[in-house]
Amino acid sequence: MRDNRKVKIGNFLFKHRGILPVPFIILLLVFGSAPIPLKSNTLKILGILISILGEIIRMFVAGFAKEKTSGRGMTIEASTLVNYGLYSIVRNPLYIGNFLIFFGFLLFSENLFMILLGALIFWVYYYYIVIAEENFLRKKFGKDYEKFLKDVPRFIPKKFKIKFPEEKYDLKKAIFREKDTIFIWVVAFSFLTERLCNFCKPKLSLVFIVIILLIFWIIINLCKRIKK
């Protein structure tokens, strides 16, 4: 019963994974400089670099991704068992990329409370999603997936020898698949920069543009969900 409940929670979080983090991001943008700020340019630079690393990981995965893999839809699906690329060293490279992007954003905020809270929320959030995905893949791929579970760890690599697929890396496909993530990343960092630096009034136009773009993106994604 407990495992079934975890799977149900994971399926719900997977379905709404693009929307549920928004309230936390808004909270960070509004209260990004309080209540326990850590003032350090090093944190800002480190945050940006960590986020870039996270996006590089996502781009690497996306360039080799096949149709109906890597979780692009609203329900968990998998046309094939992906055990190549970064999936040959960890079972959830996309989620590692997501964490690095999100954690870098948290570091950039220079807020110790939000850094700790955000990291905790992230891992709880994806813990349930991973449980649901593993349950789905066990049922679909059986013994092949059980072997994959034994050979490849969830998050921390045991080895760094990557098994490359026969297909060549497709940069165009990677950019197309990652356009939403990159857009949100740019918007979030731009808006948080404005929020923390208290730029003068003429530059507030940038905040207005960023907000309009963010609202536009949310509306488009909501329309896609309604159609589905």
C-alpha atoms as a PDB file:
ATOM      1  CA  MET A   1       0.000   0.000   0.000  1.00  0.00           C
ATOM      2  CA  ARG A   2       2.788   2.392   0.916  1.00  0.00           C
ATOM      3  CA  ASP A   3       4.606   1.754  -2.402  1.00  0.00           C
ATOM      4  CA  ASN A   4       1.365   2.232  -4.358  1.00  0.00           C
ATOM      5  CA  ARG A   5       0.855   5.543  -2.609  1.00  0.00           C
ATOM      6  CA  LYS A   6       4.387   6.638  -3.519  1.00  0.00           C
ATOM      7  CA  VAL A   7       3.758   5.675  -7.149  1.00  0.00           C
ATOM      8  CA  LYS A   8       0.507   7.690  -7.224  1.00  0.00           C
ATOM      9  CA  ILE A   9       2.248  10.712  -5.732  1.00  0.00           C
ATOM     10  CA  GLY A  10       5.104  10.308  -8.228  1.00  0.00           C
ATOM     11  CA  ASN A  11       2.723  10.092 -11.190  1.00  0.00           C
ATOM     12  CA  PHE A  12       0.921  13.231 -10.018  1.00  0.00           C
ATOM     13  CA  LEU A  13       4.173  15.153  -9.589  1.00  0.00           C
ATOM     14  CA  PHE A  14       5.443  13.933 -12.978  1.00  0.00           C
ATOM     15  CA  LYS A  15       2.267  15.101 -14.709  1.00  0.00           C
ATOM     16  CA  HIS A  16       2.497  18.562 -13.170  1.00  0.00           C
ATOM     17  CA  ARG A  17       6.287  18.815 -12.953  1.00  0.00           C
ATOM     18  CA  GLY A  18       6.403  21.905 -15.166  1.00  0.00           C
ATOM     19  CA  ILE A  19       3.922  23.874 -13.051  1.00  0.00           C
ATOM     20  CA  LEU A  20       4.418  22.850  -9.423  1.00  0.00           C
ATOM     21  CA  PRO A  21       7.901  24.425  -9.020  1.00  0.00           C
ATOM     22  CA  VAL A  22       6.565  27.836 -10.156  1.00  0.00           C
ATOM     23  CA  PRO A  23       5.208  28.920  -6.715  1.00  0.00           C
ATOM     24  CA  PHE A  24       8.594  28.217  -5.113  1.00  0.00           C
ATOM     25  CA  ILE A  25      10.422  30.130  -7.861  1.00  0.00           C
ATOM     26  CA  ILE A  26       8.061  33.087  -7.409  1.00  0.00           C
ATOM     27  CA  LEU A  27       8.693  32.955  -3.651  1.00  0.00           C
ATOM     28  CA  LEU A  28      12.431  33.018  -4.298  1.00  0.00           C
ATOM     29  CA  LEU A  29      12.127  35.940  -6.702  1.00  0.00           C
ATOM     30  CA  VAL A  30      10.006  37.962  -4.273  1.00  0.00           C
ATOM     31  CA  PHE A  31      11.969  37.172  -1.093  1.00  0.00           C
ATOM     32  CA  GLY A  32      15.299  36.332  -2.652  1.00  0.00           C
ATOM     33  CA  SER A  33      17.319  38.639  -0.403  1.00  0.00           C
ATOM     34  CA  ALA A  34      15.773  37.638   2.945  1.00  0.00           C
ATOM     35  CA  PRO A  35      15.782  36.452   5.681  1.00  0.00           C
ATOM     36  CA  ILE A  36      19.349  35.050   5.885  1.00  0.00           C
ATOM     37  CA  PRO A  37      21.357  36.537   3.004  1.00  0.00           C
ATOM     38  CA  LEU A  38      24.875  35.398   2.238  1.00  0.00           C
ATOM     39  CA  LYS A  39      26.541  38.294   0.483  1.00  0.00           C
ATOM     40  CA  SER A  40      29.234  36.973  -1.806  1.00  0.00           C
ATOM     41  CA  ASN A  41      29.975  37.472  -5.501  1.00  0.00           C
ATOM     42  CA  THR A  42      31.571  34.033  -5.396  1.00  0.00           C
ATOM     43  CA  LEU A  43      28.156  32.467  -4.764  1.00  0.00           C
ATOM     44  CA  LYS A  44      26.688  34.300  -7.761  1.00  0.00           C
ATOM     45  CA  ILE A  45      29.483  33.156 -10.079  1.00  0.00           C
ATOM     46  CA  LEU A  46      29.361  29.614  -8.683  1.00  0.00           C
ATOM     47  CA  GLY A  47      25.580  29.542  -9.074  1.00  0.00           C
ATOM     48  CA  ILE A  48      25.773  30.526 -12.747  1.00  0.00           C
ATOM     49  CA  LEU A  49      28.516  27.973 -13.485  1.00  0.00           C
ATOM     50  CA  ILE A  50      26.637  25.162 -11.720  1.00  0.00           C
ATOM     51  CA  SER A  51      23.448  25.998 -13.626  1.00  0.00           C
ATOM     52  CA  ILE A  52      25.347  26.031 -16.923  1.00  0.00           C
ATOM     53  CA  LEU A  53      26.782  22.601 -16.063  1.00  0.00           C
ATOM     54  CA  GLY A  54      23.255  21.358 -15.410  1.00  0.00           C
ATOM     55  CA  GLU A  55      22.067  22.598 -18.785  1.00  0.00           C
ATOM     56  CA  ILE A  56      25.080  21.049 -20.528  1.00  0.00           C
ATOM     57  CA  ILE A  57      24.091  17.698 -19.013  1.00  0.00           C
ATOM     58  CA  ARG A  58      20.509  18.129 -20.234  1.00  0.00           C
ATOM     59  CA  MET A  59      21.722  19.137 -23.708  1.00  0.00           C
ATOM     60  CA  PHE A  60      23.977  16.076 -23.873  1.00  0.00           C
ATOM     61  CA  VAL A  61      21.043  13.809 -23.039  1.00  0.00           C
ATOM     62  CA  ALA A  62      18.647  15.606 -25.401  1.00  0.00           C
ATOM     63  CA  GLY A  63      20.973  15.282 -28.395  1.00  0.00           C
ATOM     64  CA  PHE A  64      20.813  11.486 -28.223  1.00  0.00           C
ATOM     65  CA  ALA A  65      17.176  11.186 -27.096  1.00  0.00           C
ATOM     66  CA  LYS A  66      14.698   9.149 -29.122  1.00  0.00           C
ATOM     67  CA  GLU A  67      10.983   9.803 -29.470  1.00  0.00           C
ATOM     68  CA  LYS A  68       8.852   9.090 -26.391  1.00  0.00           C
ATOM     69  CA  THR A  69      11.856   9.016 -24.093  1.00  0.00           C
ATOM     70  CA  SER A  70      13.360  11.419 -21.546  1.00  0.00           C
ATOM     71  CA  GLY A  71       9.976  12.398 -20.159  1.00  0.00           C
ATOM     72  CA  ARG A  72       8.666  15.063 -22.520  1.00  0.00           C
ATOM     73  CA  GLY A  73       4.966  14.227 -22.080  1.00  0.00           C
ATOM     74  CA  MET A  74       2.509  14.455 -19.192  1.00  0.00           C
ATOM     75  CA  THR A  75       2.619  10.736 -18.415  1.00  0.00           C
ATOM     76  CA  ILE A  76       5.554   8.421 -17.889  1.00  0.00           C
ATOM     77  CA  GLU A  77       6.416   6.621 -21.104  1.00  0.00           C
ATOM     78  CA  ALA A  78       9.350   4.852 -22.726  1.00  0.00           C
ATOM     79  CA  SER A  79       9.505   3.381 -26.209  1.00  0.00           C
ATOM     80  CA  THR A  80      12.862   1.745 -25.461  1.00  0.00           C
ATOM     81  CA  LEU A  81      15.062   1.164 -22.444  1.00  0.00           C
ATOM     82  CA  VAL A  82      17.697   3.878 -22.680  1.00  0.00           C
ATOM     83  CA  ASN A  83      21.018   2.571 -21.392  1.00  0.00           C
ATOM     84  CA  TYR A  84      23.439   4.603 -23.485  1.00  0.00           C
ATOM     85  CA  GLY A  85      24.928   8.074 -23.213  1.00  0.00           C
ATOM     86  CA  LEU A  86      24.806   9.429 -19.676  1.00  0.00           C
ATOM     87  CA  TYR A  87      22.199   6.766 -18.890  1.00  0.00           C
ATOM     88  CA  SER A  88      25.047   4.256 -19.019  1.00  0.00           C
ATOM     89  CA  ILE A  89      26.600   5.750 -15.865  1.00  0.00           C
ATOM     90  CA  VAL A  90      23.522   7.043 -13.970  1.00  0.00           C
ATOM     91  CA  ARG A  91      19.814   6.216 -14.306  1.00  0.00           C
ATOM     92  CA  ASN A  92      18.577   9.804 -13.971  1.00  0.00           C
ATOM     93  CA  PRO A  93      20.954  12.219 -15.723  1.00  0.00           C
ATOM     94  CA  LEU A  94      18.151  14.647 -16.607  1.00  0.00           C
ATOM     95  CA  TYR A  95      17.211  15.016 -12.964  1.00  0.00           C
ATOM     96  CA  ILE A  96      20.839  15.603 -12.041  1.00  0.00           C
ATOM     97  CA  GLY A  97      20.874  18.348 -14.665  1.00  0.00           C
ATOM     98  CA  ASN A  98      17.639  19.763 -13.258  1.00  0.00           C
ATOM     99  CA  PHE A  99      19.062  19.795  -9.740  1.00  0.00           C
ATOM    100  CA  LEU A 100      22.245  21.578 -10.826  1.00  0.00           C
ATOM    101  CA  ILE A 101      20.252  24.235 -12.702  1.00  0.00           C
ATOM    102  CA  PHE A 102      17.924  24.755  -9.752  1.00  0.00           C
ATOM    103  CA  PHE A 103      20.684  24.645  -7.129  1.00  0.00           C
ATOM    104  CA  GLY A 104      22.758  27.133  -9.099  1.00  0.00           C
ATOM    105  CA  PHE A 105      19.772  29.452  -9.150  1.00  0.00           C
ATOM    106  CA  LEU A 106      19.432  29.049  -5.370  1.00  0.00           C
ATOM    107  CA  LEU A 107      23.120  29.862  -4.836  1.00  0.00           C
ATOM    108  CA  PHE A 108      22.739  32.953  -7.000  1.00  0.00           C
ATOM    109  CA  SER A 109      20.027  34.197  -4.619  1.00  0.00           C
ATOM    110  CA  GLU A 110      22.629  34.259  -1.788  1.00  0.00           C
ATOM    111  CA  ASN A 111      19.934  33.171   0.655  1.00  0.00           C
ATOM    112  CA  LEU A 112      20.914  30.346   3.011  1.00  0.00           C
ATOM    113  CA  PHE A 113      17.329  29.578   4.046  1.00  0.00           C
ATOM    114  CA  MET A 114      16.109  29.307   0.443  1.00  0.00           C
ATOM    115  CA  ILE A 115      19.156  27.247  -0.559  1.00  0.00           C
ATOM    116  CA  LEU A 116      18.496  24.640   2.132  1.00  0.00           C
ATOM    117  CA  LEU A 117      14.722  24.646   1.697  1.00  0.00           C
ATOM    118  CA  GLY A 118      14.932  24.492  -2.092  1.00  0.00           C
ATOM    119  CA  ALA A 119      17.410  21.592  -2.090  1.00  0.00           C
ATOM    120  CA  LEU A 120      15.206  19.668   0.348  1.00  0.00           C
ATOM    121  CA  ILE A 121      12.020  20.281  -1.660  1.00  0.00           C
ATOM    122  CA  PHE A 122      13.775  19.265  -4.874  1.00  0.00           C
ATOM    123  CA  TRP A 123      14.953  15.895  -3.574  1.00  0.00           C
ATOM    124  CA  VAL A 124      11.616  15.045  -1.975  1.00  0.00           C
ATOM    125  CA  TYR A 125       9.873  16.088  -5.189  1.00  0.00           C
ATOM    126  CA  TYR A 126      12.021  13.932  -7.476  1.00  0.00           C
ATOM    127  CA  TYR A 127      12.227  11.038  -5.033  1.00  0.00           C
ATOM    128  CA  TYR A 128       8.559  10.269  -5.682  1.00  0.00           C
ATOM    129  CA  ILE A 129       8.904  10.811  -9.432  1.00  0.00           C
ATOM    130  CA  VAL A 130      11.820   8.370  -9.618  1.00  0.00           C
ATOM    131  CA  ILE A 131       9.840   5.773  -7.628  1.00  0.00           C
ATOM    132  CA  ALA A 132       6.944   6.077 -10.107  1.00  0.00           C
ATOM    133  CA  GLU A 133       9.259   5.841 -13.123  1.00  0.00           C
ATOM    134  CA  GLU A 134      11.050   2.786 -11.782  1.00  0.00           C
ATOM    135  CA  ASN A 135       7.710   1.109 -11.122  1.00  0.00           C
ATOM    136  CA  PHE A 136       6.623   1.793 -14.723  1.00  0.00           C
ATOM    137  CA  LEU A 137       9.909   0.600 -16.242  1.00  0.00           C
ATOM    138  CA  ARG A 138       9.949  -2.577 -14.159  1.00  0.00           C
ATOM    139  CA  LYS A 139       6.537  -3.527 -15.525  1.00  0.00           C
ATOM    140  CA  LYS A 140       7.417  -2.677 -19.121  1.00  0.00           C
ATOM    141  CA  PHE A 141      10.960  -4.036 -19.476  1.00  0.00           C
ATOM    142  CA  GLY A 142      11.058  -6.707 -16.758  1.00  0.00           C
ATOM    143  CA  LYS A 143      14.395  -8.513 -16.404  1.00  0.00           C
ATOM    144  CA  ASP A 144      16.224  -6.108 -18.710  1.00  0.00           C
ATOM    145  CA  TYR A 145      15.378  -3.221 -16.414  1.00  0.00           C
ATOM    146  CA  GLU A 146      16.197  -5.239 -13.285  1.00  0.00           C
ATOM    147  CA  LYS A 147      19.673  -5.806 -14.723  1.00  0.00           C
ATOM    148  CA  PHE A 148      19.893  -2.092 -15.531  1.00  0.00           C
ATOM    149  CA  LEU A 149      18.999  -1.308 -11.901  1.00  0.00           C
ATOM    150  CA  LYS A 150      21.843  -3.500 -10.654  1.00  0.00           C
ATOM    151  CA  ASP A 151      24.431  -2.183 -13.118  1.00  0.00           C
ATOM    152  CA  VAL A 152      23.665   1.553 -13.056  1.00  0.00           C
ATOM    153  CA  PRO A 153      23.175   3.699  -9.905  1.00  0.00           C
ATOM    154  CA  ARG A 154      20.392   6.258  -9.539  1.00  0.00           C
ATOM    155  CA  PHE A 155      22.429   9.433  -9.159  1.00  0.00           C
ATOM    156  CA  ILE A 156      26.062   8.907  -8.152  1.00  0.00           C
ATOM    157  CA  PRO A 157      28.184   7.241 -10.867  1.00  0.00           C
ATOM    158  CA  LYS A 158      30.320   4.224 -10.013  1.00  0.00           C
ATOM    159  CA  LYS A 159      32.182   4.561 -13.290  1.00  0.00           C
ATOM    160  CA  PHE A 160      32.632   7.286 -15.900  1.00  0.00           C
ATOM    161  CA  LYS A 161      32.968   5.217 -19.051  1.00  0.00           C
ATOM    162  CA  ILE A 162      30.072   6.372 -21.252  1.00  0.00           C
ATOM    163  CA  LYS A 163      28.493   3.967 -23.733  1.00  0.00           C
ATOM    164  CA  PHE A 164      27.702   5.966 -26.879  1.00  0.00           C
ATOM    165  CA  PRO A 165      24.869   4.992 -29.267  1.00  0.00           C
ATOM    166  CA  GLU A 166      25.375   4.385 -32.980  1.00  0.00           C
ATOM    167  CA  GLU A 167      23.419   7.544 -33.875  1.00  0.00           C
ATOM    168  CA  LYS A 168      25.360  10.811 -34.026  1.00  0.00           C
ATOM    169  CA  TYR A 169      24.706  13.603 -31.579  1.00  0.00           C
ATOM    170  CA  ASP A 170      21.988  15.953 -32.896  1.00  0.00           C
ATOM    171  CA  LEU A 171      22.622  19.507 -31.658  1.00  0.00           C
ATOM    172  CA  LYS A 172      19.564  20.903 -33.466  1.00  0.00           C
ATOM    173  CA  LYS A 173      17.291  18.403 -31.720  1.00  0.00           C
ATOM    174  CA  ALA A 174      18.951  19.159 -28.389  1.00  0.00           C
ATOM    175  CA  ILE A 175      18.332  22.898 -28.759  1.00  0.00           C
ATOM    176  CA  PHE A 176      14.719  22.326 -29.802  1.00  0.00           C
ATOM    177  CA  ARG A 177      14.029  20.017 -26.854  1.00  0.00           C
ATOM    178  CA  GLU A 178      15.764  22.325 -24.392  1.00  0.00           C
ATOM    179  CA  LYS A 179      14.383  25.664 -25.577  1.00  0.00           C
ATOM    180  CA  ASP A 180      11.850  25.894 -22.725  1.00  0.00           C
ATOM    181  CA  THR A 181      14.422  25.049 -20.057  1.00  0.00           C
ATOM    182  CA  ILE A 182      16.913  27.557 -21.443  1.00  0.00           C
ATOM    183  CA  PHE A 183      14.191  30.205 -21.656  1.00  0.00           C
ATOM    184  CA  ILE A 184      13.151  29.709 -18.023  1.00  0.00           C
ATOM    185  CA  TRP A 185      16.798  29.729 -16.941  1.00  0.00           C
ATOM    186  CA  VAL A 186      17.456  33.075 -18.658  1.00  0.00           C
ATOM    187  CA  VAL A 187      14.214  34.607 -17.358  1.00  0.00           C
ATOM    188  CA  ALA A 188      14.828  33.468 -13.783  1.00  0.00           C
ATOM    189  CA  PHE A 189      18.410  34.733 -13.623  1.00  0.00           C
ATOM    190  CA  SER A 190      17.504  38.020 -15.354  1.00  0.00           C
ATOM    191  CA  PHE A 191      14.626  38.701 -12.990  1.00  0.00           C
ATOM    192  CA  LEU A 192      16.558  37.703  -9.865  1.00  0.00           C
ATOM    193  CA  THR A 193      19.443  39.935 -10.944  1.00  0.00           C
ATOM    194  CA  GLU A 194      17.039  42.865 -11.144  1.00  0.00           C
ATOM    195  CA  ARG A 195      15.492  41.914  -7.799  1.00  0.00           C
ATOM    196  CA  LEU A 196      18.789  41.730  -5.914  1.00  0.00           C
ATOM    197  CA  CYS A 197      20.707  44.540  -7.547  1.00  0.00           C
ATOM    198  CA  ASN A 198      17.927  47.148  -7.281  1.00  0.00           C
ATOM    199  CA  PHE A 199      18.651  48.661 -10.671  1.00  0.00           C
ATOM    200  CA  CYS A 200      17.508  52.190 -11.398  1.00  0.00           C
ATOM    201  CA  LYS A 201      14.056  52.944 -12.838  1.00  0.00           C
ATOM    202  CA  PRO A 202      15.024  53.105 -16.535  1.00  0.00           C
ATOM    203  CA  LYS A 203      16.159  49.502 -16.280  1.00  0.00           C
ATOM    204  CA  LEU A 204      12.887  48.353 -14.765  1.00  0.00           C
ATOM    205  CA  SER A 205      11.703  47.941 -18.348  1.00  0.00           C
ATOM    206  CA  LEU A 206      13.773  44.746 -18.436  1.00  0.00           C
ATOM    207  CA  VAL A 207      11.764  43.355 -15.502  1.00  0.00           C
ATOM    208  CA  PHE A 208       8.540  44.206 -17.336  1.00  0.00           C
ATOM    209  CA  ILE A 209       9.719  42.427 -20.501  1.00  0.00           C
ATOM    210  CA  VAL A 210      10.849  39.368 -18.514  1.00  0.00           C
ATOM    211  CA  ILE A 211       7.496  39.170 -16.696  1.00  0.00           C
ATOM    212  CA  ILE A 212       5.560  39.417 -19.978  1.00  0.00           C
ATOM    213  CA  LEU A 213       7.706  36.674 -21.536  1.00  0.00           C
ATOM    214  CA  LEU A 214       7.226  34.444 -18.488  1.00  0.00           C
ATOM    215  CA  ILE A 215       3.445  34.923 -18.542  1.00  0.00           C
ATOM    216  CA  PHE A 216       3.416  34.233 -22.285  1.00  0.00           C
ATOM    217  CA  TRP A 217       5.365  30.994 -21.784  1.00  0.00           C
ATOM    218  CA  ILE A 218       3.022  29.848 -18.985  1.00  0.00           C
ATOM    219  CA  ILE A 219      -0.065  30.537 -21.139  1.00  0.00           C
ATOM    220  CA  ILE A 220       1.371  28.555 -24.074  1.00  0.00           C
ATOM    221  CA  ASN A 221       2.167  25.560 -21.860  1.00  0.00           C
ATOM    222  CA  LEU A 222      -1.260  25.688 -20.203  1.00  0.00           C
ATOM    223  CA  CYS A 223      -2.898  25.675 -23.651  1.00  0.00           C
ATOM    224  CA  LYS A 224      -0.830  22.600 -24.613  1.00  0.00           C
ATOM    225  CA  ARG A 225      -1.985  20.815 -21.464  1.00  0.00           C
ATOM    226  CA  ILE A 226      -5.637  21.690 -22.094  1.00  0.00           C
ATOM    227  CA  LYS A 227      -5.433  20.257 -25.636  1.00  0.00           C
ATOM    228  CA  LYS A 228      -3.963  17.017 -24.252  1.00  0.00           C
END
